[in-house]
Amino acid sequence: MGKREYTAYQKQVIRDYYSQRDTILLGRLQELVTELFLAQSPKQTERLWQRAAEAMTKLKIPPAIREHILGTRDIEILAKNVAEWVRTAEKG
């Protein structure tokens, strides 16, 4: 496939997406916390934890913190950390 040419508008949309990627991922993690609280089956819970792990990896959360959260699989710990990350992102 050849290199694709983007219009100026498309380039701006792409640039805006990547400049807001951390905010988007934090929002996704907040939604995952809610979904984990409401999850009714172990299979659904497992999928949600996998998605949370992927989001934390993309956010470049330190491995020790990520592994602790995923190791305990405690929704409250995840929720507290996400709240802290959101506060930090809003300040920065």
PDB file of N, CA and C in Angstrom:
ATOM      1  N   MET A   1       0.841  -1.184   0.000  1.00  0.00           N
ATOM      2  CA  MET A   1       0.000   0.000   0.000  1.00  0.00           C
ATOM      3  C   MET A   1       0.880   1.239   0.000  1.00  0.00           C
ATOM      4  N   GLY A   2       0.439   2.222  -0.716  1.00  0.00           N
ATOM      5  CA  GLY A   2       1.176   3.469  -0.774  1.00  0.00           C
ATOM      6  C   GLY A   2       0.894   4.338   0.430  1.00  0.00           C
ATOM      7  N   LYS A   3       1.705   5.352   0.575  1.00  0.00           N
ATOM      8  CA  LYS A   3       1.523   6.284   1.681  1.00  0.00           C
ATOM      9  C   LYS A   3       0.250   7.088   1.448  1.00  0.00           C
ATOM     10  N   ARG A   4      -0.545   7.203   2.480  1.00  0.00           N
ATOM     11  CA  ARG A   4      -1.816   7.901   2.357  1.00  0.00           C
ATOM     12  C   ARG A   4      -1.619   9.390   2.603  1.00  0.00           C
ATOM     13  N   GLU A   5      -2.252  10.181   1.799  1.00  0.00           N
ATOM     14  CA  GLU A   5      -2.229  11.635   1.964  1.00  0.00           C
ATOM     15  C   GLU A   5      -3.470  12.055   2.754  1.00  0.00           C
ATOM     16  N   TYR A   6      -3.265  12.880   3.747  1.00  0.00           N
ATOM     17  CA  TYR A   6      -4.367  13.372   4.565  1.00  0.00           C
ATOM     18  C   TYR A   6      -4.602  14.849   4.271  1.00  0.00           C
ATOM     19  N   THR A   7      -5.865  15.244   4.379  1.00  0.00           N
ATOM     20  CA  THR A   7      -6.181  16.660   4.224  1.00  0.00           C
ATOM     21  C   THR A   7      -5.713  17.389   5.479  1.00  0.00           C
ATOM     22  N   ALA A   8      -5.680  18.699   5.407  1.00  0.00           N
ATOM     23  CA  ALA A   8      -5.273  19.496   6.570  1.00  0.00           C
ATOM     24  C   ALA A   8      -6.211  19.232   7.751  1.00  0.00           C
ATOM     25  N   TYR A   9      -7.494  19.105   7.466  1.00  0.00           N
ATOM     26  CA  TYR A   9      -8.472  18.829   8.519  1.00  0.00           C
ATOM     27  C   TYR A   9      -8.202  17.476   9.175  1.00  0.00           C
ATOM     28  N   GLN A  10      -7.962  16.448   8.358  1.00  0.00           N
ATOM     29  CA  GLN A  10      -7.687  15.118   8.891  1.00  0.00           C
ATOM     30  C   GLN A  10      -6.418  15.116   9.745  1.00  0.00           C
ATOM     31  N   LYS A  11      -5.405  15.837   9.283  1.00  0.00           N
ATOM     32  CA  LYS A  11      -4.161  15.932  10.047  1.00  0.00           C
ATOM     33  C   LYS A  11      -4.417  16.577  11.406  1.00  0.00           C
ATOM     34  N   GLN A  12      -5.252  17.600  11.437  1.00  0.00           N
ATOM     35  CA  GLN A  12      -5.580  18.280  12.692  1.00  0.00           C
ATOM     36  C   GLN A  12      -6.334  17.349  13.636  1.00  0.00           C
ATOM     37  N   VAL A  13      -7.273  16.571  13.100  1.00  0.00           N
ATOM     38  CA  VAL A  13      -8.034  15.625  13.920  1.00  0.00           C
ATOM     39  C   VAL A  13      -7.094  14.587  14.529  1.00  0.00           C
ATOM     40  N   ILE A  14      -6.188  14.063  13.732  1.00  0.00           N
ATOM     41  CA  ILE A  14      -5.215  13.073  14.212  1.00  0.00           C
ATOM     42  C   ILE A  14      -4.319  13.683  15.281  1.00  0.00           C
ATOM     43  N   ARG A  15      -3.831  14.885  15.031  1.00  0.00           N
ATOM     44  CA  ARG A  15      -2.959  15.575  15.981  1.00  0.00           C
ATOM     45  C   ARG A  15      -3.702  15.820  17.305  1.00  0.00           C
ATOM     46  N   ASP A  16      -4.958  16.264  17.217  1.00  0.00           N
ATOM     47  CA  ASP A  16      -5.752  16.518  18.422  1.00  0.00           C
ATOM     48  C   ASP A  16      -5.992  15.234  19.214  1.00  0.00           C
ATOM     49  N   TYR A  17      -6.259  14.138  18.505  1.00  0.00           N
ATOM     50  CA  TYR A  17      -6.482  12.860  19.187  1.00  0.00           C
ATOM     51  C   TYR A  17      -5.256  12.485  20.005  1.00  0.00           C
ATOM     52  N   TYR A  18      -4.091  12.531  19.387  1.00  0.00           N
ATOM     53  CA  TYR A  18      -2.884  12.116  20.095  1.00  0.00           C
ATOM     54  C   TYR A  18      -2.478  13.101  21.191  1.00  0.00           C
ATOM     55  N   SER A  19      -2.842  14.358  21.054  1.00  0.00           N
ATOM     56  CA  SER A  19      -2.526  15.313  22.121  1.00  0.00           C
ATOM     57  C   SER A  19      -3.440  15.095  23.333  1.00  0.00           C
ATOM     58  N   GLN A  20      -4.601  14.500  23.112  1.00  0.00           N
ATOM     59  CA  GLN A  20      -5.562  14.242  24.195  1.00  0.00           C
ATOM     60  C   GLN A  20      -5.627  12.768  24.586  1.00  0.00           C
ATOM     61  N   ARG A  21      -4.690  11.970  24.104  1.00  0.00           N
ATOM     62  CA  ARG A  21      -4.746  10.519  24.307  1.00  0.00           C
ATOM     63  C   ARG A  21      -4.773  10.138  25.789  1.00  0.00           C
ATOM     64  N   ASP A  22      -3.943  10.769  26.608  1.00  0.00           N
ATOM     65  CA  ASP A  22      -3.929  10.436  28.037  1.00  0.00           C
ATOM     66  C   ASP A  22      -5.278  10.720  28.688  1.00  0.00           C
ATOM     67  N   THR A  23      -5.884  11.836  28.330  1.00  0.00           N
ATOM     68  CA  THR A  23      -7.196  12.190  28.874  1.00  0.00           C
ATOM     69  C   THR A  23      -8.239  11.162  28.450  1.00  0.00           C
ATOM     70  N   ILE A  24      -8.170  10.739  27.196  1.00  0.00           N
ATOM     71  CA  ILE A  24      -9.104   9.739  26.682  1.00  0.00           C
ATOM     72  C   ILE A  24      -8.929   8.422  27.435  1.00  0.00           C
ATOM     73  N   LEU A  25      -7.678   8.005  27.633  1.00  0.00           N
ATOM     74  CA  LEU A  25      -7.413   6.743  28.330  1.00  0.00           C
ATOM     75  C   LEU A  25      -7.830   6.808  29.799  1.00  0.00           C
ATOM     76  N   LEU A  26      -7.627   7.949  30.443  1.00  0.00           N
ATOM     77  CA  LEU A  26      -8.072   8.094  31.834  1.00  0.00           C
ATOM     78  C   LEU A  26      -9.594   7.999  31.925  1.00  0.00           C
ATOM     79  N   GLY A  27     -10.278   8.618  30.978  1.00  0.00           N
ATOM     80  CA  GLY A  27     -11.737   8.515  30.936  1.00  0.00           C
ATOM     81  C   GLY A  27     -12.183   7.076  30.738  1.00  0.00           C
ATOM     82  N   ARG A  28     -11.467   6.361  29.872  1.00  0.00           N
ATOM     83  CA  ARG A  28     -11.781   4.953  29.637  1.00  0.00           C
ATOM     84  C   ARG A  28     -11.566   4.135  30.916  1.00  0.00           C
ATOM     85  N   LEU A  29     -10.492   4.432  31.639  1.00  0.00           N
ATOM     86  CA  LEU A  29     -10.243   3.718  32.901  1.00  0.00           C
ATOM     87  C   LEU A  29     -11.338   4.014  33.927  1.00  0.00           C
ATOM     88  N   GLN A  30     -11.809   5.254  33.970  1.00  0.00           N
ATOM     89  CA  GLN A  30     -12.900   5.594  34.887  1.00  0.00           C
ATOM     90  C   GLN A  30     -14.151   4.779  34.543  1.00  0.00           C
ATOM     91  N   GLU A  31     -14.432   4.645  33.252  1.00  0.00           N
ATOM     92  CA  GLU A  31     -15.585   3.850  32.825  1.00  0.00           C
ATOM     93  C   GLU A  31     -15.393   2.378  33.178  1.00  0.00           C
ATOM     94  N   LEU A  32     -14.162   1.882  33.041  1.00  0.00           N
ATOM     95  CA  LEU A  32     -13.885   0.483  33.365  1.00  0.00           C
ATOM     96  C   LEU A  32     -14.085   0.204  34.852  1.00  0.00           C
ATOM     97  N   VAL A  33     -13.734   1.160  35.703  1.00  0.00           N
ATOM     98  CA  VAL A  33     -13.959   0.992  37.142  1.00  0.00           C
ATOM     99  C   VAL A  33     -15.453   0.790  37.398  1.00  0.00           C
ATOM    100  N   THR A  34     -16.270   1.619  36.782  1.00  0.00           N
ATOM    101  CA  THR A  34     -17.720   1.492  36.939  1.00  0.00           C
ATOM    102  C   THR A  34     -18.200   0.141  36.432  1.00  0.00           C
ATOM    103  N   GLU A  35     -17.726  -0.256  35.251  1.00  0.00           N
ATOM    104  CA  GLU A  35     -18.142  -1.536  34.682  1.00  0.00           C
ATOM    105  C   GLU A  35     -17.692  -2.706  35.555  1.00  0.00           C
ATOM    106  N   LEU A  36     -16.506  -2.595  36.162  1.00  0.00           N
ATOM    107  CA  LEU A  36     -16.036  -3.662  37.053  1.00  0.00           C
ATOM    108  C   LEU A  36     -16.926  -3.782  38.291  1.00  0.00           C
ATOM    109  N   PHE A  37     -17.370  -2.654  38.834  1.00  0.00           N
ATOM    110  CA  PHE A  37     -18.271  -2.694  39.986  1.00  0.00           C
ATOM    111  C   PHE A  37     -19.586  -3.384  39.624  1.00  0.00           C
ATOM    112  N   LEU A  38     -20.023  -3.190  38.375  1.00  0.00           N
ATOM    113  CA  LEU A  38     -21.314  -3.728  37.954  1.00  0.00           C
ATOM    114  C   LEU A  38     -21.225  -5.101  37.295  1.00  0.00           C
ATOM    115  N   ALA A  39     -20.020  -5.578  37.032  1.00  0.00           N
ATOM    116  CA  ALA A  39     -19.842  -6.858  36.333  1.00  0.00           C
ATOM    117  C   ALA A  39     -20.497  -7.989  37.118  1.00  0.00           C
ATOM    118  N   GLN A  40     -21.168  -8.875  36.376  1.00  0.00           N
ATOM    119  CA  GLN A  40     -21.907  -9.945  37.031  1.00  0.00           C
ATOM    120  C   GLN A  40     -21.302 -11.326  36.824  1.00  0.00           C
ATOM    121  N   SER A  41     -20.470 -11.489  35.815  1.00  0.00           N
ATOM    122  CA  SER A  41     -19.896 -12.812  35.575  1.00  0.00           C
ATOM    123  C   SER A  41     -18.374 -12.755  35.658  1.00  0.00           C
ATOM    124  N   PRO A  42     -17.755 -13.846  36.063  1.00  0.00           N
ATOM    125  CA  PRO A  42     -16.287 -13.885  36.119  1.00  0.00           C
ATOM    126  C   PRO A  42     -15.644 -13.654  34.748  1.00  0.00           C
ATOM    127  N   LYS A  43     -16.287 -14.140  33.705  1.00  0.00           N
ATOM    128  CA  LYS A  43     -15.760 -13.962  32.346  1.00  0.00           C
ATOM    129  C   LYS A  43     -15.745 -12.480  31.970  1.00  0.00           C
ATOM    130  N   GLN A  44     -16.825 -11.789  32.273  1.00  0.00           N
ATOM    131  CA  GLN A  44     -16.915 -10.361  31.992  1.00  0.00           C
ATOM    132  C   GLN A  44     -15.881  -9.596  32.814  1.00  0.00           C
ATOM    133  N   THR A  45     -15.729  -9.963  34.073  1.00  0.00           N
ATOM    134  CA  THR A  45     -14.753  -9.316  34.949  1.00  0.00           C
ATOM    135  C   THR A  45     -13.344  -9.495  34.403  1.00  0.00           C
ATOM    136  N   GLU A  46     -13.027 -10.694  33.943  1.00  0.00           N
ATOM    137  CA  GLU A  46     -11.698 -10.974  33.384  1.00  0.00           C
ATOM    138  C   GLU A  46     -11.414 -10.086  32.170  1.00  0.00           C
ATOM    139  N   ARG A  47     -12.386  -9.965  31.272  1.00  0.00           N
ATOM    140  CA  ARG A  47     -12.212  -9.109  30.083  1.00  0.00           C
ATOM    141  C   ARG A  47     -11.994  -7.653  30.482  1.00  0.00           C
ATOM    142  N   LEU A  48     -12.736  -7.187  31.466  1.00  0.00           N
ATOM    143  CA  LEU A  48     -12.605  -5.798  31.905  1.00  0.00           C
ATOM    144  C   LEU A  48     -11.237  -5.548  32.530  1.00  0.00           C
ATOM    145  N   TRP A  49     -10.729  -6.494  33.317  1.00  0.00           N
ATOM    146  CA  TRP A  49      -9.395  -6.337  33.899  1.00  0.00           C
ATOM    147  C   TRP A  49      -8.330  -6.326  32.808  1.00  0.00           C
ATOM    148  N   GLN A  50      -8.521  -7.119  31.761  1.00  0.00           N
ATOM    149  CA  GLN A  50      -7.571  -7.109  30.645  1.00  0.00           C
ATOM    150  C   GLN A  50      -7.569  -5.745  29.960  1.00  0.00           C
ATOM    151  N   ARG A  51      -8.751  -5.183  29.772  1.00  0.00           N
ATOM    152  CA  ARG A  51      -8.840  -3.853  29.157  1.00  0.00           C
ATOM    153  C   ARG A  51      -8.199  -2.792  30.050  1.00  0.00           C
ATOM    154  N   ALA A  52      -8.386  -2.924  31.362  1.00  0.00           N
ATOM    155  CA  ALA A  52      -7.762  -1.985  32.303  1.00  0.00           C
ATOM    156  C   ALA A  52      -6.242  -2.104  32.224  1.00  0.00           C
ATOM    157  N   ALA A  53      -5.742  -3.327  32.122  1.00  0.00           N
ATOM    158  CA  ALA A  53      -4.293  -3.540  32.015  1.00  0.00           C
ATOM    159  C   ALA A  53      -3.745  -2.883  30.750  1.00  0.00           C
ATOM    160  N   GLU A  54      -4.452  -3.037  29.638  1.00  0.00           N
ATOM    161  CA  GLU A  54      -4.020  -2.420  28.379  1.00  0.00           C
ATOM    162  C   GLU A  54      -4.004  -0.899  28.492  1.00  0.00           C
ATOM    163  N   ALA A  55      -5.035  -0.340  29.107  1.00  0.00           N
ATOM    164  CA  ALA A  55      -5.104   1.117  29.256  1.00  0.00           C
ATOM    165  C   ALA A  55      -3.973   1.627  30.145  1.00  0.00           C
ATOM    166  N   MET A  56      -3.676   0.911  31.228  1.00  0.00           N
ATOM    167  CA  MET A  56      -2.585   1.335  32.112  1.00  0.00           C
ATOM    168  C   MET A  56      -1.238   1.244  31.401  1.00  0.00           C
ATOM    169  N   THR A  57      -1.069   0.239  30.557  1.00  0.00           N
ATOM    170  CA  THR A  57       0.169   0.110  29.788  1.00  0.00           C
ATOM    171  C   THR A  57       0.314   1.284  28.829  1.00  0.00           C
ATOM    172  N   LYS A  58      -0.769   1.627  28.135  1.00  0.00           N
ATOM    173  CA  LYS A  58      -0.731   2.752  27.196  1.00  0.00           C
ATOM    174  C   LYS A  58      -0.486   4.079  27.912  1.00  0.00           C
ATOM    175  N   LEU A  59      -0.948   4.184  29.154  1.00  0.00           N
ATOM    176  CA  LEU A  59      -0.727   5.401  29.943  1.00  0.00           C
ATOM    177  C   LEU A  59       0.677   5.448  30.543  1.00  0.00           C
ATOM    178  N   LYS A  60       1.428   4.370  30.369  1.00  0.00           N
ATOM    179  CA  LYS A  60       2.797   4.256  30.891  1.00  0.00           C
ATOM    180  C   LYS A  60       2.824   4.357  32.419  1.00  0.00           C
ATOM    181  N   ILE A  61       1.857   3.688  33.052  1.00  0.00           N
ATOM    182  CA  ILE A  61       1.840   3.585  34.506  1.00  0.00           C
ATOM    183  C   ILE A  61       3.040   2.722  34.898  1.00  0.00           C
ATOM    184  N   PRO A  62       3.804   3.109  35.920  1.00  0.00           N
ATOM    185  CA  PRO A  62       4.969   2.307  36.317  1.00  0.00           C
ATOM    186  C   PRO A  62       4.590   0.834  36.538  1.00  0.00           C
ATOM    187  N   PRO A  63       5.434  -0.075  36.052  1.00  0.00           N
ATOM    188  CA  PRO A  63       5.116  -1.509  36.148  1.00  0.00           C
ATOM    189  C   PRO A  63       4.804  -1.990  37.564  1.00  0.00           C
ATOM    190  N   ALA A  64       5.494  -1.473  38.558  1.00  0.00           N
ATOM    191  CA  ALA A  64       5.249  -1.922  39.937  1.00  0.00           C
ATOM    192  C   ALA A  64       3.822  -1.593  40.374  1.00  0.00           C
ATOM    193  N   ILE A  65       3.362  -0.406  40.046  1.00  0.00           N
ATOM    194  CA  ILE A  65       1.996  -0.003  40.411  1.00  0.00           C
ATOM    195  C   ILE A  65       0.987  -0.826  39.628  1.00  0.00           C
ATOM    196  N   ARG A  66       1.225  -0.943  38.324  1.00  0.00           N
ATOM    197  CA  ARG A  66       0.320  -1.702  37.457  1.00  0.00           C
ATOM    198  C   ARG A  66       0.216  -3.156  37.940  1.00  0.00           C
ATOM    199  N   GLU A  67       1.355  -3.778  38.231  1.00  0.00           N
ATOM    200  CA  GLU A  67       1.354  -5.176  38.676  1.00  0.00           C
ATOM    201  C   GLU A  67       0.664  -5.334  40.027  1.00  0.00           C
ATOM    202  N   HIS A  68       0.836  -4.353  40.917  1.00  0.00           N
ATOM    203  CA  HIS A  68       0.159  -4.418  42.218  1.00  0.00           C
ATOM    204  C   HIS A  68      -1.356  -4.370  42.033  1.00  0.00           C
ATOM    205  N   ILE A  69      -1.813  -3.442  41.218  1.00  0.00           N
ATOM    206  CA  ILE A  69      -3.257  -3.307  40.985  1.00  0.00           C
ATOM    207  C   ILE A  69      -3.809  -4.575  40.350  1.00  0.00           C
ATOM    208  N   LEU A  70      -3.124  -5.073  39.327  1.00  0.00           N
ATOM    209  CA  LEU A  70      -3.608  -6.261  38.629  1.00  0.00           C
ATOM    210  C   LEU A  70      -3.452  -7.522  39.477  1.00  0.00           C
ATOM    211  N   GLY A  71      -2.440  -7.540  40.337  1.00  0.00           N
ATOM    212  CA  GLY A  71      -2.237  -8.697  41.205  1.00  0.00           C
ATOM    213  C   GLY A  71      -3.318  -8.831  42.258  1.00  0.00           C
ATOM    214  N   THR A  72      -3.729  -7.705  42.822  1.00  0.00           N
ATOM    215  CA  THR A  72      -4.763  -7.739  43.861  1.00  0.00           C
ATOM    216  C   THR A  72      -6.159  -7.806  43.253  1.00  0.00           C
ATOM    217  N   ARG A  73      -6.302  -7.247  42.060  1.00  0.00           N
ATOM    218  CA  ARG A  73      -7.612  -7.160  41.391  1.00  0.00           C
ATOM    219  C   ARG A  73      -8.661  -6.554  42.321  1.00  0.00           C
ATOM    220  N   ASP A  74      -8.230  -5.550  43.052  1.00  0.00           N
ATOM    221  CA  ASP A  74      -9.118  -4.841  43.971  1.00  0.00           C
ATOM    222  C   ASP A  74      -9.627  -3.593  43.252  1.00  0.00           C
ATOM    223  N   ILE A  75     -10.928  -3.551  43.047  1.00  0.00           N
ATOM    224  CA  ILE A  75     -11.529  -2.442  42.301  1.00  0.00           C
ATOM    225  C   ILE A  75     -11.325  -1.122  43.038  1.00  0.00           C
ATOM    226  N   GLU A  76     -11.372  -1.152  44.357  1.00  0.00           N
ATOM    227  CA  GLU A  76     -11.201   0.082  45.130  1.00  0.00           C
ATOM    228  C   GLU A  76      -9.798   0.652  44.964  1.00  0.00           C
ATOM    229  N   ILE A  77      -8.796  -0.214  44.924  1.00  0.00           N
ATOM    230  CA  ILE A  77      -7.427   0.261  44.708  1.00  0.00           C
ATOM    231  C   ILE A  77      -7.311   0.886  43.322  1.00  0.00           C
ATOM    232  N   LEU A  78      -7.891   0.223  42.327  1.00  0.00           N
ATOM    233  CA  LEU A  78      -7.876   0.776  40.968  1.00  0.00           C
ATOM    234  C   LEU A  78      -8.580   2.129  40.945  1.00  0.00           C
ATOM    235  N   ALA A  79      -9.739   2.215  41.584  1.00  0.00           N
ATOM    236  CA  ALA A  79     -10.508   3.462  41.589  1.00  0.00           C
ATOM    237  C   ALA A  79      -9.729   4.599  42.250  1.00  0.00           C
ATOM    238  N   LYS A  80      -9.078   4.321  43.374  1.00  0.00           N
ATOM    239  CA  LYS A  80      -8.304   5.357  44.067  1.00  0.00           C
ATOM    240  C   LYS A  80      -7.132   5.829  43.210  1.00  0.00           C
ATOM    241  N   ASN A  81      -6.461   4.891  42.552  1.00  0.00           N
ATOM    242  CA  ASN A  81      -5.342   5.266  41.692  1.00  0.00           C
ATOM    243  C   ASN A  81      -5.811   6.074  40.488  1.00  0.00           C
ATOM    244  N   VAL A  82      -6.904   5.660  39.874  1.00  0.00           N
ATOM    245  CA  VAL A  82      -7.426   6.397  38.722  1.00  0.00           C
ATOM    246  C   VAL A  82      -7.801   7.811  39.143  1.00  0.00           C
ATOM    247  N   ALA A  83      -8.445   7.959  40.296  1.00  0.00           N
ATOM    248  CA  ALA A  83      -8.810   9.293  40.787  1.00  0.00           C
ATOM    249  C   ALA A  83      -7.563  10.151  40.976  1.00  0.00           C
ATOM    250  N   GLU A  84      -6.507   9.564  41.517  1.00  0.00           N
ATOM    251  CA  GLU A  84      -5.248  10.299  41.711  1.00  0.00           C
ATOM    252  C   GLU A  84      -4.631  10.685  40.369  1.00  0.00           C
ATOM    253  N   TRP A  85      -4.654   9.773  39.407  1.00  0.00           N
ATOM    254  CA  TRP A  85      -4.085  10.066  38.083  1.00  0.00           C
ATOM    255  C   TRP A  85      -4.862  11.174  37.387  1.00  0.00           C
ATOM    256  N   VAL A  86      -6.177  11.188  37.574  1.00  0.00           N
ATOM    257  CA  VAL A  86      -7.003  12.246  36.969  1.00  0.00           C
ATOM    258  C   VAL A  86      -6.660  13.589  37.604  1.00  0.00           C
ATOM    259  N   ARG A  87      -6.535  13.629  38.935  1.00  0.00           N
ATOM    260  CA  ARG A  87      -6.164  14.881  39.615  1.00  0.00           C
ATOM    261  C   ARG A  87      -4.804  15.370  39.135  1.00  0.00           C
ATOM    262  N   THR A  88      -3.858  14.455  39.005  1.00  0.00           N
ATOM    263  CA  THR A  88      -2.518  14.811  38.540  1.00  0.00           C
ATOM    264  C   THR A  88      -2.570  15.350  37.112  1.00  0.00           C
ATOM    265  N   ALA A  89      -3.369  14.724  36.264  1.00  0.00           N
ATOM    266  CA  ALA A  89      -3.477  15.161  34.867  1.00  0.00           C
ATOM    267  C   ALA A  89      -4.118  16.542  34.773  1.00  0.00           C
ATOM    268  N   GLU A  90      -5.091  16.818  35.638  1.00  0.00           N
ATOM    269  CA  GLU A  90      -5.755  18.123  35.616  1.00  0.00           C
ATOM    270  C   GLU A  90      -4.818  19.235  36.061  1.00  0.00           C
ATOM    271  N   LYS A  91      -3.914  18.933  36.991  1.00  0.00           N
ATOM    272  CA  LYS A  91      -2.957  19.935  37.461  1.00  0.00           C
ATOM    273  C   LYS A  91      -1.881  20.199  36.420  1.00  0.00           C
ATOM    274  N   GLY A  92      -1.473  19.136  35.734  1.00  0.00           N
ATOM    275  CA  GLY A  92      -0.334  19.226  34.821  1.00  0.00           C
ATOM    276  C   GLY A  92      -0.687  19.763  33.507  1.00  0.00           C
TER     277      GLY A  92
END
